[in-house]
Amino acid sequence: MFLFFTYSAIIFYGAFFPSGESVASVNGDFSSFLFRAVETRQITGEVYLLSNVRCGIENASKPLNFSARLNPVWKNLRVDAGALEDVYLIVEPLAFYGPLKNICTHNCLWFEFRQNHPAAGDDGFKTYGIVASGQMLKNLKGEFFLFQFTSKEDYFELAYYTDRNLRLYKLDLSAEQKKRLFYNAIVTASERAAKERYHIIYNHCVNNMFELINTVLPSYQRFNPWLVHGIIFNPVFCAPDFNELIFNFHGLIKEKLPMFRGSY
């Protein structure tokens, strides 16, 4: 009964309090300095240069307080999509919402590269994984949606510093699907870079992640996460306990990894 009323409240809020129309890009000028719009440039073939990838916070410590004194590190990384080895789904129950933690989640994708082909910066920095994560950004003009790209080290370190627990699943995709998914992710992130408003029902981290994965799936395997397409998102798809069931039902989980625990 509690879940029913909670889901109903979420749907009611999204239906009657929309966030508004699309607006001009804020071009990375966000009140949250931990987020920037990624920029993508094709170098040759399947090799791309990704700008504004967050690769750490120099003065991070636990507990982490989000203040202007934090010093995020931004890098430009050269990435070979042909060197993709695996793609993982990251499911993060939003524990800071207290009683809602079992029905609210943050989902994102982790792209892992072969050991002989890391993503690399001009300064010698190397990482074997990049995480694409949908974010809500606030500024004086309102709330906006942005795909944030970080190194895997940055993502997991921030999860540790902020006491977040992550459920991890290796996805069962072909080599071609992995490459297309990465390409679609960087192109979508670059083209849409905070040019639209965030919305609790139809433009958030979860539905964008499902729609992104749908771009590489055959029609019989695609998700249908809408109660009313483009208007009301099915809240079951936002529940962390259902994510594993949904992905298993669609035949997309190849392996379940041990949970990453930032807190106990």
C-alpha atoms as a PDB file:
ATOM      1  CA  MET A   1       0.000   0.000   0.000  1.00  0.00           C
ATOM      2  CA  PHE A   2       2.859   2.373   0.852  1.00  0.00           C
ATOM      3  CA  LEU A   3       4.484   1.699  -2.507  1.00  0.00           C
ATOM      4  CA  PHE A   4       1.186   2.313  -4.311  1.00  0.00           C
ATOM      5  CA  PHE A   5       0.706   5.738  -2.735  1.00  0.00           C
ATOM      6  CA  THR A   6       4.345   6.647  -3.289  1.00  0.00           C
ATOM      7  CA  TYR A   7       4.211   5.724  -6.970  1.00  0.00           C
ATOM      8  CA  SER A   8       0.945   7.614  -7.317  1.00  0.00           C
ATOM      9  CA  ALA A   9       2.496  10.711  -5.749  1.00  0.00           C
ATOM     10  CA  ILE A  10       5.438  10.580  -8.147  1.00  0.00           C
ATOM     11  CA  ILE A  11       3.140  10.272 -11.165  1.00  0.00           C
ATOM     12  CA  PHE A  12       0.878  13.067  -9.899  1.00  0.00           C
ATOM     13  CA  TYR A  13       3.833  15.401  -9.407  1.00  0.00           C
ATOM     14  CA  GLY A  14       5.203  14.734 -12.861  1.00  0.00           C
ATOM     15  CA  ALA A  15       1.858  15.100 -14.563  1.00  0.00           C
ATOM     16  CA  PHE A  16       0.768  18.342 -12.910  1.00  0.00           C
ATOM     17  CA  PHE A  17       4.058  20.124 -12.200  1.00  0.00           C
ATOM     18  CA  PRO A  18       6.129  19.848 -15.392  1.00  0.00           C
ATOM     19  CA  SER A  19       9.561  21.445 -15.514  1.00  0.00           C
ATOM     20  CA  GLY A  20       8.887  23.483 -18.634  1.00  0.00           C
ATOM     21  CA  GLU A  21      10.109  23.684 -22.205  1.00  0.00           C
ATOM     22  CA  SER A  22      13.572  23.279 -23.627  1.00  0.00           C
ATOM     23  CA  VAL A  23      15.853  26.264 -23.296  1.00  0.00           C
ATOM     24  CA  ALA A  24      19.142  27.354 -24.765  1.00  0.00           C
ATOM     25  CA  SER A  25      22.229  25.444 -23.659  1.00  0.00           C
ATOM     26  CA  VAL A  26      23.837  26.683 -20.479  1.00  0.00           C
ATOM     27  CA  ASN A  27      27.191  25.524 -21.902  1.00  0.00           C
ATOM     28  CA  GLY A  28      28.595  24.081 -18.709  1.00  0.00           C
ATOM     29  CA  ASP A  29      27.937  27.204 -16.617  1.00  0.00           C
ATOM     30  CA  PHE A  30      26.410  25.342 -13.706  1.00  0.00           C
ATOM     31  CA  SER A  31      26.054  26.140 -10.045  1.00  0.00           C
ATOM     32  CA  SER A  32      27.476  22.666  -9.424  1.00  0.00           C
ATOM     33  CA  PHE A  33      31.107  22.831 -10.477  1.00  0.00           C
ATOM     34  CA  LEU A  34      31.366  19.026 -10.301  1.00  0.00           C
ATOM     35  CA  PHE A  35      29.556  18.691 -13.634  1.00  0.00           C
ATOM     36  CA  ARG A  36      30.465  19.773 -17.146  1.00  0.00           C
ATOM     37  CA  ALA A  37      29.071  19.052 -20.580  1.00  0.00           C
ATOM     38  CA  VAL A  38      31.227  16.577 -22.488  1.00  0.00           C
ATOM     39  CA  GLU A  39      32.490  17.576 -25.928  1.00  0.00           C
ATOM     40  CA  THR A  40      33.217  14.943 -28.558  1.00  0.00           C
ATOM     41  CA  ARG A  41      35.513  15.031 -31.566  1.00  0.00           C
ATOM     42  CA  GLN A  42      36.254  12.117 -33.889  1.00  0.00           C
ATOM     43  CA  ILE A  43      39.982  11.799 -34.496  1.00  0.00           C
ATOM     44  CA  THR A  44      40.029   8.853 -36.859  1.00  0.00           C
ATOM     45  CA  GLY A  45      37.930   5.732 -37.386  1.00  0.00           C
ATOM     46  CA  GLU A  46      36.721   4.627 -33.958  1.00  0.00           C
ATOM     47  CA  VAL A  47      39.048   6.913 -31.987  1.00  0.00           C
ATOM     48  CA  TYR A  48      37.482   9.935 -30.260  1.00  0.00           C
ATOM     49  CA  LEU A  49      38.662  12.817 -28.114  1.00  0.00           C
ATOM     50  CA  LEU A  50      36.383  13.400 -25.110  1.00  0.00           C
ATOM     51  CA  SER A  51      36.746  16.768 -23.396  1.00  0.00           C
ATOM     52  CA  ASN A  52      35.534  17.635 -19.888  1.00  0.00           C
ATOM     53  CA  VAL A  53      35.861  14.135 -18.418  1.00  0.00           C
ATOM     54  CA  ARG A  54      36.068  14.357 -14.623  1.00  0.00           C
ATOM     55  CA  CYS A  55      38.977  12.198 -13.447  1.00  0.00           C
ATOM     56  CA  GLY A  56      39.097  12.818  -9.715  1.00  0.00           C
ATOM     57  CA  ILE A  57      38.744  15.332  -6.901  1.00  0.00           C
ATOM     58  CA  GLU A  58      42.177  16.316  -5.638  1.00  0.00           C
ATOM     59  CA  ASN A  59      41.174  17.243  -2.096  1.00  0.00           C
ATOM     60  CA  ALA A  60      38.400  14.694  -1.536  1.00  0.00           C
ATOM     61  CA  SER A  61      38.099  13.149   1.902  1.00  0.00           C
ATOM     62  CA  LYS A  62      35.492  11.311   3.925  1.00  0.00           C
ATOM     63  CA  PRO A  63      32.952  12.612   4.825  1.00  0.00           C
ATOM     64  CA  LEU A  64      32.753  14.640   1.628  1.00  0.00           C
ATOM     65  CA  ASN A  65      31.103  18.035   1.809  1.00  0.00           C
ATOM     66  CA  PHE A  66      30.036  19.596  -1.480  1.00  0.00           C
ATOM     67  CA  SER A  67      31.612  23.003  -1.142  1.00  0.00           C
ATOM     68  CA  ALA A  68      33.406  25.465  -3.377  1.00  0.00           C
ATOM     69  CA  ARG A  69      36.678  24.292  -1.843  1.00  0.00           C
ATOM     70  CA  LEU A  70      36.549  20.948  -3.669  1.00  0.00           C
ATOM     71  CA  ASN A  71      38.945  20.713  -6.587  1.00  0.00           C
ATOM     72  CA  PRO A  72      37.686  18.431  -9.399  1.00  0.00           C
ATOM     73  CA  VAL A  73      40.186  17.384 -12.063  1.00  0.00           C
ATOM     74  CA  TRP A  74      39.076  17.669 -15.709  1.00  0.00           C
ATOM     75  CA  LYS A  75      40.888  15.963 -18.563  1.00  0.00           C
ATOM     76  CA  ASN A  76      40.664  15.421 -22.297  1.00  0.00           C
ATOM     77  CA  LEU A  77      40.830  11.693 -23.020  1.00  0.00           C
ATOM     78  CA  ARG A  78      41.604   9.874 -26.252  1.00  0.00           C
ATOM     79  CA  VAL A  79      39.302   6.834 -26.454  1.00  0.00           C
ATOM     80  CA  ASP A  80      39.246   3.925 -28.903  1.00  0.00           C
ATOM     81  CA  ALA A  81      35.686   2.576 -29.148  1.00  0.00           C
ATOM     82  CA  GLY A  82      37.060  -0.489 -30.912  1.00  0.00           C
ATOM     83  CA  ALA A  83      38.885  -1.433 -27.708  1.00  0.00           C
ATOM     84  CA  LEU A  84      35.726  -1.778 -25.633  1.00  0.00           C
ATOM     85  CA  GLU A  85      35.752  -5.000 -23.649  1.00  0.00           C
ATOM     86  CA  ASP A  86      32.631  -4.839 -21.469  1.00  0.00           C
ATOM     87  CA  VAL A  87      29.687  -2.629 -20.565  1.00  0.00           C
ATOM     88  CA  TYR A  88      28.236  -2.653 -17.067  1.00  0.00           C
ATOM     89  CA  LEU A  89      24.985  -1.382 -15.599  1.00  0.00           C
ATOM     90  CA  ILE A  90      25.409   0.500 -12.321  1.00  0.00           C
ATOM     91  CA  VAL A  91      22.326   0.631 -10.092  1.00  0.00           C
ATOM     92  CA  GLU A  92      22.542   2.973  -7.119  1.00  0.00           C
ATOM     93  CA  PRO A  93      19.670   2.959  -4.585  1.00  0.00           C
ATOM     94  CA  LEU A  94      19.224   6.564  -3.431  1.00  0.00           C
ATOM     95  CA  ALA A  95      19.738   5.939   0.260  1.00  0.00           C
ATOM     96  CA  PHE A  96      19.708   9.646   1.116  1.00  0.00           C
ATOM     97  CA  TYR A  97      15.948   9.627   0.442  1.00  0.00           C
ATOM     98  CA  GLY A  98      15.482   7.449   3.528  1.00  0.00           C
ATOM     99  CA  PRO A  99      12.256   5.401   3.223  1.00  0.00           C
ATOM    100  CA  LEU A 100      12.243   5.915  -0.556  1.00  0.00           C
ATOM    101  CA  LYS A 101      15.581   4.154  -1.073  1.00  0.00           C
ATOM    102  CA  ASN A 102      13.886   0.941  -2.234  1.00  0.00           C
ATOM    103  CA  ILE A 103      11.914   2.671  -4.991  1.00  0.00           C
ATOM    104  CA  CYS A 104      14.334   5.408  -6.092  1.00  0.00           C
ATOM    105  CA  THR A 105      17.499   4.717  -8.009  1.00  0.00           C
ATOM    106  CA  HIS A 106      20.246   6.319 -10.029  1.00  0.00           C
ATOM    107  CA  ASN A 107      21.284   4.232 -13.043  1.00  0.00           C
ATOM    108  CA  CYS A 108      24.291   4.696 -15.290  1.00  0.00           C
ATOM    109  CA  LEU A 109      26.593   2.841 -17.690  1.00  0.00           C
ATOM    110  CA  TRP A 110      30.232   1.911 -17.179  1.00  0.00           C
ATOM    111  CA  PHE A 111      32.315   1.263 -20.309  1.00  0.00           C
ATOM    112  CA  GLU A 112      35.431  -0.850 -19.698  1.00  0.00           C
ATOM    113  CA  PHE A 113      38.329  -1.001 -22.189  1.00  0.00           C
ATOM    114  CA  ARG A 114      40.930  -3.679 -22.868  1.00  0.00           C
ATOM    115  CA  GLN A 115      44.114  -3.511 -20.807  1.00  0.00           C
ATOM    116  CA  ASN A 116      46.226  -2.719 -23.873  1.00  0.00           C
ATOM    117  CA  HIS A 117      43.962   0.156 -24.981  1.00  0.00           C
ATOM    118  CA  PRO A 118      43.129   2.472 -22.057  1.00  0.00           C
ATOM    119  CA  ALA A 119      41.562   5.889 -22.424  1.00  0.00           C
ATOM    120  CA  ALA A 120      44.520   8.250 -22.179  1.00  0.00           C
ATOM    121  CA  GLY A 121      45.252  11.932 -21.674  1.00  0.00           C
ATOM    122  CA  ASP A 122      48.150  13.967 -23.065  1.00  0.00           C
ATOM    123  CA  ASP A 123      49.625  14.197 -19.560  1.00  0.00           C
ATOM    124  CA  GLY A 124      50.083  10.420 -19.282  1.00  0.00           C
ATOM    125  CA  PHE A 125      46.874   9.796 -17.329  1.00  0.00           C
ATOM    126  CA  LYS A 126      45.239   6.442 -18.124  1.00  0.00           C
ATOM    127  CA  THR A 127      41.961   4.827 -17.187  1.00  0.00           C
ATOM    128  CA  TYR A 128      40.401   1.562 -18.348  1.00  0.00           C
ATOM    129  CA  GLY A 129      36.838   2.619 -17.653  1.00  0.00           C
ATOM    130  CA  ILE A 130      34.521   5.559 -18.339  1.00  0.00           C
ATOM    131  CA  VAL A 131      31.132   6.071 -16.691  1.00  0.00           C
ATOM    132  CA  ALA A 132      28.231   7.876 -18.400  1.00  0.00           C
ATOM    133  CA  SER A 133      25.849   9.185 -15.758  1.00  0.00           C
ATOM    134  CA  GLY A 134      22.711  11.304 -16.178  1.00  0.00           C
ATOM    135  CA  GLN A 135      22.623  14.272 -13.802  1.00  0.00           C
ATOM    136  CA  MET A 136      20.233  16.967 -12.679  1.00  0.00           C
ATOM    137  CA  LEU A 137      21.948  20.343 -12.675  1.00  0.00           C
ATOM    138  CA  LYS A 138      20.639  23.507 -11.109  1.00  0.00           C
ATOM    139  CA  ASN A 139      21.354  27.108 -11.959  1.00  0.00           C
ATOM    140  CA  LEU A 140      19.475  30.379 -11.796  1.00  0.00           C
ATOM    141  CA  LYS A 141      17.415  29.390 -14.848  1.00  0.00           C
ATOM    142  CA  GLY A 142      16.154  26.126 -13.398  1.00  0.00           C
ATOM    143  CA  GLU A 143      16.967  22.406 -13.452  1.00  0.00           C
ATOM    144  CA  PHE A 144      18.640  20.838 -16.477  1.00  0.00           C
ATOM    145  CA  PHE A 145      19.538  17.322 -17.625  1.00  0.00           C
ATOM    146  CA  LEU A 146      23.117  16.457 -18.545  1.00  0.00           C
ATOM    147  CA  PHE A 147      25.081  13.278 -19.285  1.00  0.00           C
ATOM    148  CA  GLN A 148      28.226  13.485 -17.149  1.00  0.00           C
ATOM    149  CA  PHE A 149      31.347  11.493 -18.123  1.00  0.00           C
ATOM    150  CA  THR A 150      33.879  10.466 -15.496  1.00  0.00           C
ATOM    151  CA  SER A 151      36.706   7.977 -15.152  1.00  0.00           C
ATOM    152  CA  LYS A 152      35.659   4.829 -13.305  1.00  0.00           C
ATOM    153  CA  GLU A 153      38.147   5.671 -10.545  1.00  0.00           C
ATOM    154  CA  ASP A 154      36.464   9.044 -10.039  1.00  0.00           C
ATOM    155  CA  TYR A 155      32.984   7.531  -9.984  1.00  0.00           C
ATOM    156  CA  PHE A 156      33.777   4.815  -7.444  1.00  0.00           C
ATOM    157  CA  GLU A 157      35.864   7.134  -5.263  1.00  0.00           C
ATOM    158  CA  LEU A 158      33.019   9.640  -5.113  1.00  0.00           C
ATOM    159  CA  ALA A 159      30.627   6.808  -4.221  1.00  0.00           C
ATOM    160  CA  TYR A 160      32.965   5.842  -1.370  1.00  0.00           C
ATOM    161  CA  TYR A 161      33.355   9.393  -0.104  1.00  0.00           C
ATOM    162  CA  THR A 162      29.572   9.917  -0.123  1.00  0.00           C
ATOM    163  CA  ASP A 163      28.712   6.506   1.411  1.00  0.00           C
ATOM    164  CA  ARG A 164      26.845   5.141  -1.612  1.00  0.00           C
ATOM    165  CA  ASN A 165      26.336   1.442  -2.370  1.00  0.00           C
ATOM    166  CA  LEU A 166      26.388   0.311  -6.009  1.00  0.00           C
ATOM    167  CA  ARG A 167      24.916  -2.801  -7.602  1.00  0.00           C
ATOM    168  CA  LEU A 168      26.939  -3.880 -10.640  1.00  0.00           C
ATOM    169  CA  TYR A 169      25.912  -6.012 -13.630  1.00  0.00           C
ATOM    170  CA  LYS A 170      27.898  -6.985 -16.712  1.00  0.00           C
ATOM    171  CA  LEU A 171      25.625  -6.660 -19.734  1.00  0.00           C
ATOM    172  CA  ASP A 172      25.270  -9.400 -22.349  1.00  0.00           C
ATOM    173  CA  LEU A 173      25.957  -7.419 -25.534  1.00  0.00           C
ATOM    174  CA  SER A 174      27.839  -8.224 -28.730  1.00  0.00           C
ATOM    175  CA  ALA A 175      31.062  -6.404 -29.588  1.00  0.00           C
ATOM    176  CA  GLU A 176      29.212  -4.339 -32.183  1.00  0.00           C
ATOM    177  CA  GLN A 177      26.441  -3.432 -29.727  1.00  0.00           C
ATOM    178  CA  LYS A 178      29.023  -2.258 -27.175  1.00  0.00           C
ATOM    179  CA  LYS A 179      30.711   0.008 -29.718  1.00  0.00           C
ATOM    180  CA  ARG A 180      27.414   1.443 -30.933  1.00  0.00           C
ATOM    181  CA  LEU A 181      26.234   2.005 -27.371  1.00  0.00           C
ATOM    182  CA  PHE A 182      29.403   3.937 -26.523  1.00  0.00           C
ATOM    183  CA  TYR A 183      29.164   5.961 -29.717  1.00  0.00           C
ATOM    184  CA  ASN A 184      25.490   6.738 -29.108  1.00  0.00           C
ATOM    185  CA  ALA A 185      26.275   7.750 -25.529  1.00  0.00           C
ATOM    186  CA  ILE A 186      29.009  10.250 -26.408  1.00  0.00           C
ATOM    187  CA  VAL A 187      27.089  11.697 -29.367  1.00  0.00           C
ATOM    188  CA  THR A 188      23.867  12.039 -27.353  1.00  0.00           C
ATOM    189  CA  ALA A 189      25.744  13.634 -24.463  1.00  0.00           C
ATOM    190  CA  SER A 190      27.531  16.100 -26.718  1.00  0.00           C
ATOM    191  CA  GLU A 191      24.498  17.083 -28.807  1.00  0.00           C
ATOM    192  CA  ARG A 192      22.054  17.422 -25.917  1.00  0.00           C
ATOM    193  CA  ALA A 193      24.511  19.008 -23.466  1.00  0.00           C
ATOM    194  CA  ALA A 194      22.128  20.591 -20.971  1.00  0.00           C
ATOM    195  CA  LYS A 195      19.880  22.010 -23.688  1.00  0.00           C
ATOM    196  CA  GLU A 196      16.745  20.663 -22.020  1.00  0.00           C
ATOM    197  CA  ARG A 197      15.131  20.735 -18.642  1.00  0.00           C
ATOM    198  CA  TYR A 198      15.252  17.909 -16.156  1.00  0.00           C
ATOM    199  CA  HIS A 199      11.883  16.326 -15.387  1.00  0.00           C
ATOM    200  CA  ILE A 200      11.075  13.891 -12.588  1.00  0.00           C
ATOM    201  CA  ILE A 201       8.964  11.736 -14.950  1.00  0.00           C
ATOM    202  CA  TYR A 202      10.191  11.975 -18.539  1.00  0.00           C
ATOM    203  CA  ASN A 203      13.748  13.343 -18.525  1.00  0.00           C
ATOM    204  CA  HIS A 204      15.960  11.885 -15.823  1.00  0.00           C
ATOM    205  CA  CYS A 205      18.887   9.490 -15.389  1.00  0.00           C
ATOM    206  CA  VAL A 206      16.812   6.283 -15.465  1.00  0.00           C
ATOM    207  CA  ASN A 207      14.621   6.783 -18.528  1.00  0.00           C
ATOM    208  CA  ASN A 208      17.534   8.224 -20.526  1.00  0.00           C
ATOM    209  CA  MET A 209      19.649   5.187 -19.683  1.00  0.00           C
ATOM    210  CA  PHE A 210      16.889   2.792 -20.799  1.00  0.00           C
ATOM    211  CA  GLU A 211      16.356   4.750 -24.016  1.00  0.00           C
ATOM    212  CA  LEU A 212      20.087   4.749 -24.694  1.00  0.00           C
ATOM    213  CA  ILE A 213      20.322   0.962 -24.336  1.00  0.00           C
ATOM    214  CA  ASN A 214      17.266   0.566 -26.561  1.00  0.00           C
ATOM    215  CA  THR A 215      19.215   2.139 -29.434  1.00  0.00           C
ATOM    216  CA  VAL A 216      21.373  -1.006 -29.775  1.00  0.00           C
ATOM    217  CA  LEU A 217      18.769  -3.692 -29.060  1.00  0.00           C
ATOM    218  CA  PRO A 218      16.638  -5.575 -31.601  1.00  0.00           C
ATOM    219  CA  SER A 219      12.947  -4.694 -31.449  1.00  0.00           C
ATOM    220  CA  TYR A 220      11.962  -7.873 -29.572  1.00  0.00           C
ATOM    221  CA  GLN A 221      14.429  -7.133 -26.769  1.00  0.00           C
ATOM    222  CA  ARG A 222      13.776  -3.410 -26.221  1.00  0.00           C
ATOM    223  CA  PHE A 223      12.362  -1.959 -23.020  1.00  0.00           C
ATOM    224  CA  ASN A 224       8.970  -0.274 -22.792  1.00  0.00           C
ATOM    225  CA  PRO A 225       9.332   1.731 -19.561  1.00  0.00           C
ATOM    226  CA  TRP A 226       6.402   4.114 -20.146  1.00  0.00           C
ATOM    227  CA  LEU A 227       2.865   4.020 -18.808  1.00  0.00           C
ATOM    228  CA  VAL A 228       2.042   6.828 -21.234  1.00  0.00           C
ATOM    229  CA  HIS A 229       4.897   7.293 -23.691  1.00  0.00           C
ATOM    230  CA  GLY A 230       6.795  10.525 -23.194  1.00  0.00           C
ATOM    231  CA  ILE A 231       4.422  11.647 -20.455  1.00  0.00           C
ATOM    232  CA  ILE A 232       4.356   9.163 -17.559  1.00  0.00           C
ATOM    233  CA  PHE A 233       7.384   6.953 -16.878  1.00  0.00           C
ATOM    234  CA  ASN A 234       6.663   3.615 -15.208  1.00  0.00           C
ATOM    235  CA  PRO A 235       8.014   4.067 -11.635  1.00  0.00           C
ATOM    236  CA  VAL A 236       8.708   0.320 -11.367  1.00  0.00           C
ATOM    237  CA  PHE A 237      11.685   0.941 -13.660  1.00  0.00           C
ATOM    238  CA  CYS A 238      13.063   3.327 -11.017  1.00  0.00           C
ATOM    239  CA  ALA A 239      13.014   0.718  -8.251  1.00  0.00           C
ATOM    240  CA  PRO A 240      16.485  -0.813  -7.666  1.00  0.00           C
ATOM    241  CA  ASP A 241      15.087  -4.221  -6.700  1.00  0.00           C
ATOM    242  CA  PHE A 242      13.205  -4.424 -10.008  1.00  0.00           C
ATOM    243  CA  ASN A 243      16.129  -3.378 -12.197  1.00  0.00           C
ATOM    244  CA  GLU A 244      17.824  -6.760 -11.956  1.00  0.00           C
ATOM    245  CA  LEU A 245      14.544  -8.557 -12.697  1.00  0.00           C
ATOM    246  CA  ILE A 246      13.837  -6.328 -15.696  1.00  0.00           C
ATOM    247  CA  PHE A 247      17.292  -6.741 -17.217  1.00  0.00           C
ATOM    248  CA  ASN A 248      17.223 -10.488 -16.589  1.00  0.00           C
ATOM    249  CA  PHE A 249      13.800 -10.745 -18.240  1.00  0.00           C
ATOM    250  CA  HIS A 250      15.235  -9.010 -21.319  1.00  0.00           C
ATOM    251  CA  GLY A 251      18.219 -11.397 -21.357  1.00  0.00           C
ATOM    252  CA  LEU A 252      20.772  -8.656 -20.785  1.00  0.00           C
ATOM    253  CA  ILE A 253      22.611  -9.664 -17.616  1.00  0.00           C
ATOM    254  CA  LYS A 254      25.702 -11.722 -18.297  1.00  0.00           C
ATOM    255  CA  GLU A 255      27.141 -11.571 -14.772  1.00  0.00           C
ATOM    256  CA  LYS A 256      26.212 -10.075 -11.407  1.00  0.00           C
ATOM    257  CA  LEU A 257      29.226  -8.589  -9.639  1.00  0.00           C
ATOM    258  CA  PRO A 258      29.665  -8.180  -5.873  1.00  0.00           C
ATOM    259  CA  MET A 259      28.106  -4.984  -4.551  1.00  0.00           C
ATOM    260  CA  PHE A 260      30.413  -2.000  -4.155  1.00  0.00           C
ATOM    261  CA  ARG A 261      29.876  -0.663  -0.653  1.00  0.00           C
ATOM    262  CA  GLY A 262      30.679   2.905   0.270  1.00  0.00           C
ATOM    263  CA  SER A 263      28.800   2.454   3.543  1.00  0.00           C
ATOM    264  CA  TYR A 264      27.646  -0.420   5.742  1.00  0.00           C
END
